[in-house]
Amino acid sequence: MSQPPLRVGVVGAGNIAHIAQLPTLVERDDVVLDVVVSRRDDPSELVRRWGFSTAVSTVEQALERDLDAMFVLTPRSEHVRGVSRALEANVDVFCEKPLATATDDAERLADLADEHGRVLMVGFNRRFAPTYVAAREQFGDTGAGFCVAQKNRRGSEYRATFENAIHMVDLLRWFCPGEPVDVSAHAAGDDPWQEDGVSALVRFAGGGTGVLMAARNAGSWAEKLDAYGAERTAEVVAPDTVTLTRDGVSTARSMSPEAFGWATATKTFGFTTAVHHFLDRVRDRATPLTSGREAARTQALLDRILQAAGLPTEEQEGRTWSSHATR
């Protein structure tokens, strides 16, 4: 017997929503895009383009519509309010990363999801990208002994490590099992709120060692991961290529023959699979791979890296996100 469609609300319909979540949601035949929360004076174009039933201006108005799930895709400073309102209304939530601007708030949201028995998932989409999935499977349950995660860019932005390199911190946790037991780090640049880069060394309880490199003054955009252990190697050049070596034999796989670009990033960076994963967990009530609790742990490790590098973990009062980063 077929199940009724999931009634879904979307809070925030900016670039990330158009690139990642909305194209996937409209492909599902078991999803009804019921309502979008938008600040636009005239959101009718959003309603027409994506097939929403209606548009409203507040989360509270959206939650009056008997939703099954809500996607919170707003700027990070607004995540706590949107996520908490939905959980308190007994609605399952997918939230863009990071879950909150402070780890204490992220942990509180994870607690709130547990208290209400709701599914809470955070968009750490790299865990669903085909190249990273293939690399992680190379090491099985024991994980990697060493993992180097690197994300470079030309130009920086406010809270660069917090906003972007957090993806790589999450990958280090995924590849190296166990909680972090020792963290050292160094930051480059004169502005602690807009650092030129961060390097970190993390030792995990499972025996693995993770290295983070996040250069924001590089010559070009690059995202890479190398992992080693049990005489095996995995090398990822995101988003398209993974090379796996076992027993002296290397196999290279290319996920796309096209050059890097947003046209293919929806699938190659794992956005599509992450959305499907969340909706499947709404159906079966299992714990998502990137649950609110997992996201809070990743954010706690990032806090330790920032502190070790002498960088602030809080937001700078009166300052909003801005960027001069380029591809």
Protein backbone atom coordinates (compact mmCIF):
# COMPACT_ATOMS: atom_id res chain seq x y z
CA MET A 1 0.00 0.00 0.00
CA SER A 2 1.50 3.33 -1.04
CA GLN A 3 2.18 5.97 1.57
CA PRO A 4 0.70 9.46 1.38
CA PRO A 5 3.01 12.16 0.02
CA LEU A 6 5.20 14.13 2.40
CA ARG A 7 4.10 17.72 2.84
CA VAL A 8 7.28 19.81 2.83
CA GLY A 9 7.97 23.43 3.68
CA VAL A 10 11.08 25.38 2.68
CA VAL A 11 12.40 28.33 4.70
CA GLY A 12 14.69 30.48 2.58
CA ALA A 13 14.97 30.14 -1.19
CA GLY A 14 18.37 31.64 -1.98
CA ASN A 15 21.24 30.33 -4.08
CA ILE A 16 21.81 27.12 -2.12
CA ALA A 17 18.15 26.16 -2.32
CA HIS A 18 18.04 26.69 -6.09
CA ILE A 19 21.31 24.81 -6.63
CA ALA A 20 20.90 21.92 -4.24
CA GLN A 21 17.66 21.10 -2.48
CA LEU A 22 14.81 22.35 -4.67
CA PRO A 23 15.90 20.55 -7.89
CA THR A 24 15.95 17.29 -5.92
CA LEU A 25 12.66 17.85 -4.12
CA VAL A 26 10.75 18.44 -7.34
CA GLU A 27 12.02 15.11 -8.69
CA ARG A 28 10.38 13.14 -5.87
CA ASP A 29 6.91 11.85 -6.68
CA ASP A 30 6.19 11.34 -2.97
CA VAL A 31 6.75 15.00 -2.01
CA VAL A 32 4.38 17.94 -2.13
CA LEU A 33 6.10 21.33 -1.95
CA ASP A 34 3.46 22.90 0.22
CA VAL A 35 4.85 26.24 1.36
CA VAL A 36 7.89 28.48 0.97
CA VAL A 37 8.86 31.11 3.54
CA SER A 38 10.27 34.09 1.67
CA ARG A 39 11.10 37.74 2.37
CA ARG A 40 10.46 38.72 -1.25
CA ASP A 41 7.85 41.39 -1.74
CA ASP A 42 6.42 39.23 -4.52
CA PRO A 43 7.29 35.51 -4.14
CA SER A 44 4.93 34.44 -6.93
CA GLU A 45 7.84 33.58 -9.24
CA LEU A 46 9.19 31.15 -6.63
CA VAL A 47 5.76 29.55 -6.29
CA ARG A 48 5.40 29.13 -10.07
CA ARG A 49 8.93 27.92 -10.73
CA TRP A 50 9.02 25.20 -8.08
CA GLY A 51 5.34 24.37 -7.74
CA PHE A 52 4.72 25.46 -4.16
CA SER A 53 1.10 25.59 -3.05
CA THR A 54 1.64 28.96 -1.43
CA ALA A 55 4.18 31.42 0.03
CA VAL A 56 4.21 33.01 3.47
CA SER A 57 6.50 35.43 5.26
CA THR A 58 7.12 33.67 8.60
CA VAL A 59 8.03 30.23 9.89
CA GLU A 60 5.04 30.35 12.22
CA GLN A 61 2.67 30.78 9.29
CA ALA A 62 4.27 27.84 7.50
CA LEU A 63 3.92 25.61 10.56
CA GLU A 64 0.18 26.20 10.58
CA ARG A 65 -0.05 24.03 7.44
CA ASP A 66 0.35 20.52 8.93
CA LEU A 67 3.79 19.82 7.48
CA ASP A 68 5.71 16.56 7.66
CA ALA A 69 9.13 18.12 7.10
CA MET A 70 10.80 21.50 6.82
CA PHE A 71 14.01 22.55 5.06
CA VAL A 72 15.72 25.45 6.87
CA LEU A 73 17.98 27.04 4.23
CA THR A 74 18.39 30.52 5.71
CA PRO A 75 21.65 32.26 6.72
CA ARG A 76 23.25 30.54 9.70
CA SER A 77 22.27 33.27 12.15
CA GLU A 78 18.61 32.31 11.60
CA HIS A 79 18.96 28.54 11.91
CA VAL A 80 18.24 28.24 15.63
CA ARG A 81 14.93 30.02 15.47
CA GLY A 82 13.64 28.18 12.41
CA VAL A 83 14.80 24.73 13.53
CA SER A 84 13.53 25.09 17.10
CA ARG A 85 10.09 26.31 15.98
CA ALA A 86 9.71 23.36 13.64
CA LEU A 87 10.88 20.76 16.17
CA GLU A 88 8.56 22.17 18.80
CA ALA A 89 5.72 21.82 16.28
CA ASN A 90 6.69 18.13 15.82
CA VAL A 91 7.99 18.63 12.28
CA ASP A 92 11.13 16.87 11.03
CA VAL A 93 13.92 19.23 9.92
CA PHE A 94 16.71 19.39 7.37
CA CYS A 95 19.01 22.33 8.16
CA GLU A 96 21.85 23.74 6.13
CA LYS A 97 25.24 23.67 7.84
CA PRO A 98 26.26 24.81 10.35
CA LEU A 99 23.35 23.91 12.60
CA ALA A 100 23.92 27.02 14.74
CA THR A 101 26.39 29.85 15.23
CA ALA A 102 27.34 28.45 18.65
CA THR A 103 28.01 24.84 19.65
CA ASP A 104 25.84 25.17 22.78
CA ASP A 105 22.89 26.07 20.56
CA ALA A 106 23.62 23.17 18.20
CA GLU A 107 23.64 20.76 21.14
CA ARG A 108 20.39 22.26 22.43
CA LEU A 109 18.72 21.69 19.06
CA ALA A 110 19.94 18.08 19.03
CA ASP A 111 18.44 17.66 22.51
CA LEU A 112 15.19 19.23 21.34
CA ALA A 113 14.95 16.78 18.43
CA ASP A 114 15.42 13.88 20.85
CA GLU A 115 12.82 15.25 23.25
CA HIS A 116 10.20 15.52 20.51
CA GLY A 117 11.21 12.32 18.71
CA ARG A 118 11.91 14.20 15.48
CA VAL A 119 14.39 13.63 12.68
CA LEU A 120 16.98 16.41 12.55
CA MET A 121 19.57 16.31 9.78
CA VAL A 122 22.26 18.84 8.86
CA GLY A 123 23.50 19.37 5.30
CA PHE A 124 27.04 18.04 5.54
CA ASN A 125 26.64 16.87 1.96
CA ARG A 126 30.26 15.77 1.46
CA ARG A 127 29.45 12.52 3.31
CA PHE A 128 27.05 11.75 0.46
CA ALA A 129 29.27 12.77 -2.48
CA PRO A 130 30.15 9.70 -4.61
CA THR A 131 33.92 10.35 -4.51
CA TYR A 132 34.05 10.70 -0.73
CA VAL A 133 31.73 7.71 -0.21
CA ALA A 134 34.01 5.51 -2.34
CA ALA A 135 37.06 6.76 -0.44
CA ARG A 136 35.49 6.10 2.97
CA GLU A 137 34.41 2.58 1.97
CA GLN A 138 38.08 1.78 1.30
CA PHE A 139 38.72 1.61 5.07
CA GLY A 140 35.63 -0.12 6.43
CA ASP A 141 34.62 0.14 10.07
CA THR A 142 38.17 0.73 11.33
CA GLY A 143 38.53 3.96 9.38
CA ALA A 144 41.71 5.59 8.14
CA GLY A 145 44.93 5.84 10.10
CA PHE A 146 45.77 9.20 8.53
CA CYS A 147 43.54 11.68 6.74
CA VAL A 148 44.50 15.01 5.17
CA ALA A 149 41.55 17.24 4.23
CA GLN A 150 42.28 20.40 2.28
CA LYS A 151 40.04 23.22 1.03
CA ASN A 152 41.63 26.22 -0.69
CA ARG A 153 40.28 29.37 -2.31
CA ARG A 154 41.32 32.73 -3.70
CA GLY A 155 40.21 35.34 -1.21
CA SER A 156 38.60 34.96 2.17
CA GLU A 157 35.38 35.90 3.90
CA TYR A 158 34.09 36.63 7.37
CA ARG A 159 34.42 33.46 9.50
CA ALA A 160 35.99 31.59 6.57
CA THR A 161 36.92 28.47 8.54
CA PHE A 162 33.58 28.33 10.33
CA GLU A 163 31.53 28.84 7.18
CA ASN A 164 33.34 26.61 4.73
CA ALA A 165 36.18 24.50 6.11
CA ILE A 166 33.70 22.95 8.54
CA HIS A 167 32.92 20.50 5.70
CA MET A 168 36.48 19.20 5.89
CA VAL A 169 36.38 19.02 9.68
CA ASP A 170 33.29 16.85 9.35
CA LEU A 171 35.10 14.60 6.86
CA LEU A 172 38.02 14.18 9.27
CA ARG A 173 35.59 12.98 11.92
CA TRP A 174 33.96 10.58 9.44
CA PHE A 175 37.24 9.09 8.20
CA CYS A 176 38.94 8.86 11.63
CA PRO A 177 36.67 7.07 14.15
CA GLY A 178 36.50 8.10 17.78
CA GLU A 179 36.28 11.47 19.46
CA PRO A 180 39.17 13.96 19.19
CA VAL A 181 41.61 13.68 22.09
CA ASP A 182 44.21 16.25 21.10
CA VAL A 183 44.06 19.33 18.85
CA SER A 184 46.72 21.80 17.74
CA ALA A 185 46.26 24.52 15.13
CA HIS A 186 47.72 27.64 13.53
CA ALA A 187 46.03 30.54 11.73
CA ALA A 188 47.42 32.94 9.13
CA GLY A 189 46.42 36.55 8.58
CA ASP A 190 45.95 39.74 10.56
CA ASP A 191 42.16 39.68 10.98
CA PRO A 192 41.02 36.91 13.37
CA TRP A 193 37.49 37.23 11.99
CA GLN A 194 38.59 36.90 8.35
CA GLU A 195 41.66 34.70 8.52
CA ASP A 196 43.78 33.88 5.49
CA GLY A 197 43.90 30.25 6.47
CA VAL A 198 44.03 27.60 9.18
CA SER A 199 46.04 24.41 9.59
CA ALA A 200 45.27 21.86 12.29
CA LEU A 201 46.44 18.48 13.59
CA VAL A 202 43.84 16.31 15.33
CA ARG A 203 44.44 13.01 17.11
CA PHE A 204 41.38 10.79 17.49
CA ALA A 205 40.56 8.19 20.14
CA GLY A 206 40.29 5.48 17.47
CA GLY A 207 43.99 5.90 16.68
CA GLY A 208 43.67 7.99 13.56
CA THR A 209 45.28 11.35 12.88
CA GLY A 210 43.60 14.08 10.88
CA VAL A 211 45.19 17.11 9.22
CA LEU A 212 43.17 20.13 8.14
CA MET A 213 44.45 22.65 5.59
CA ALA A 214 42.24 25.61 4.70
CA ALA A 215 44.14 28.22 2.71
CA ARG A 216 42.07 31.25 1.76
CA ASN A 217 44.94 32.96 -0.04
CA ALA A 218 45.58 30.23 -2.63
CA GLY A 219 45.86 30.73 -6.38
CA SER A 220 42.67 28.83 -7.15
CA TRP A 221 39.74 26.90 -5.69
CA ALA A 222 40.63 23.34 -4.69
CA GLU A 223 39.17 20.64 -2.47
CA LYS A 224 41.15 17.47 -1.81
CA LEU A 225 41.33 14.58 0.62
CA ASP A 226 44.00 11.90 1.06
CA ALA A 227 43.46 8.98 3.44
CA TYR A 228 45.78 6.13 4.36
CA GLY A 229 45.68 2.97 6.47
CA ALA A 230 45.89 -0.85 6.36
CA GLU A 231 48.17 -0.53 3.31
CA ARG A 232 45.38 1.20 1.42
CA THR A 233 45.12 4.70 -0.02
CA ALA A 234 42.23 6.87 -1.12
CA GLU A 235 42.79 10.16 -2.94
CA VAL A 236 39.89 12.49 -3.73
CA VAL A 237 40.07 15.52 -5.98
CA ALA A 238 36.61 16.95 -5.47
CA PRO A 239 34.13 16.80 -6.83
CA ASP A 240 34.78 14.35 -9.65
CA THR A 241 37.77 12.05 -9.15
CA VAL A 242 38.75 9.36 -6.66
CA THR A 243 41.79 7.08 -6.87
CA LEU A 244 41.82 3.95 -4.72
CA THR A 245 44.95 1.87 -4.14
CA ARG A 246 44.97 -1.60 -2.58
CA ASP A 247 47.56 -4.39 -2.86
CA GLY A 248 49.68 -2.10 -5.03
CA VAL A 249 46.97 -1.65 -7.63
CA SER A 250 45.43 1.79 -8.25
CA THR A 251 41.99 2.35 -9.73
CA ALA A 252 40.83 5.83 -10.75
CA ARG A 253 37.17 6.70 -11.11
CA SER A 254 35.78 9.89 -12.63
CA MET A 255 32.28 10.86 -11.56
CA SER A 256 31.76 13.34 -14.38
CA PRO A 257 33.54 14.12 -17.63
CA GLU A 258 32.51 17.75 -17.29
CA ALA A 259 34.57 20.48 -15.73
CA PHE A 260 33.70 21.57 -12.20
CA GLY A 261 30.65 23.78 -12.13
CA TRP A 262 27.36 24.32 -10.37
CA ALA A 263 25.58 22.55 -13.23
CA THR A 264 26.90 19.21 -11.96
CA ALA A 265 27.55 20.02 -8.31
CA THR A 266 24.03 19.06 -7.19
CA LYS A 267 24.94 15.41 -7.63
CA THR A 268 28.74 15.30 -7.55
CA PHE A 269 28.94 17.13 -4.22
CA GLY A 270 26.25 14.93 -2.66
CA PHE A 271 23.43 17.47 -2.37
CA THR A 272 20.96 15.20 -4.15
CA THR A 273 21.73 12.10 -2.12
CA ALA A 274 21.62 14.09 1.12
CA VAL A 275 18.05 15.24 0.39
CA HIS A 276 16.97 11.71 -0.50
CA HIS A 277 18.63 10.41 2.68
CA PHE A 278 16.71 12.88 4.83
CA LEU A 279 13.34 12.11 3.23
CA ASP A 280 13.99 8.38 3.60
CA ARG A 281 14.72 8.90 7.30
CA VAL A 282 11.48 10.85 7.65
CA ARG A 283 9.78 7.75 6.28
CA ASP A 284 11.59 5.06 8.28
CA ARG A 285 12.40 7.14 11.42
CA ALA A 286 16.04 5.98 11.49
CA THR A 287 18.88 8.28 12.52
CA PRO A 288 20.43 10.27 9.65
CA LEU A 289 24.15 9.91 8.94
CA THR A 290 24.55 13.65 9.55
CA SER A 291 22.11 14.02 12.42
CA GLY A 292 21.84 17.08 14.61
CA ARG A 293 23.93 15.28 17.23
CA GLU A 294 26.66 14.48 14.69
CA ALA A 295 26.63 18.09 13.49
CA ALA A 296 27.03 19.37 17.05
CA ARG A 297 30.07 17.11 17.52
CA THR A 298 31.63 18.40 14.32
CA GLN A 299 31.00 21.96 15.48
CA ALA A 300 32.56 21.19 18.87
CA LEU A 301 35.72 19.97 17.12
CA LEU A 302 35.78 23.09 14.97
CA ASP A 303 35.57 25.18 18.15
CA ARG A 304 38.63 23.37 19.49
CA ILE A 305 40.51 24.05 16.24
CA LEU A 306 39.58 27.73 16.29
CA GLN A 307 40.58 28.07 19.94
CA ALA A 308 43.90 26.29 19.37
CA ALA A 309 44.60 28.67 16.46
CA GLY A 310 43.78 31.73 18.57
CA LEU A 311 40.61 32.49 16.59
CA PRO A 312 37.21 33.42 18.07
CA THR A 313 34.42 30.84 18.21
CA GLU A 314 31.64 33.39 18.56
CA GLU A 315 30.20 35.79 16.02
CA GLN A 316 31.57 39.34 15.89
CA GLU A 317 28.96 41.72 17.21
CA GLY A 318 27.44 43.88 14.49
CA ARG A 319 29.15 42.06 11.62
CA THR A 320 27.42 40.04 8.94
CA TRP A 321 28.77 37.54 6.45
CA SER A 322 30.64 38.99 3.50
CA SER A 323 33.10 37.58 1.02
CA HIS A 324 35.73 38.56 -1.49
CA ALA A 325 36.43 34.93 -2.33
CA THR A 326 36.52 33.92 -5.98
CA ARG A 327 36.43 30.66 -7.88
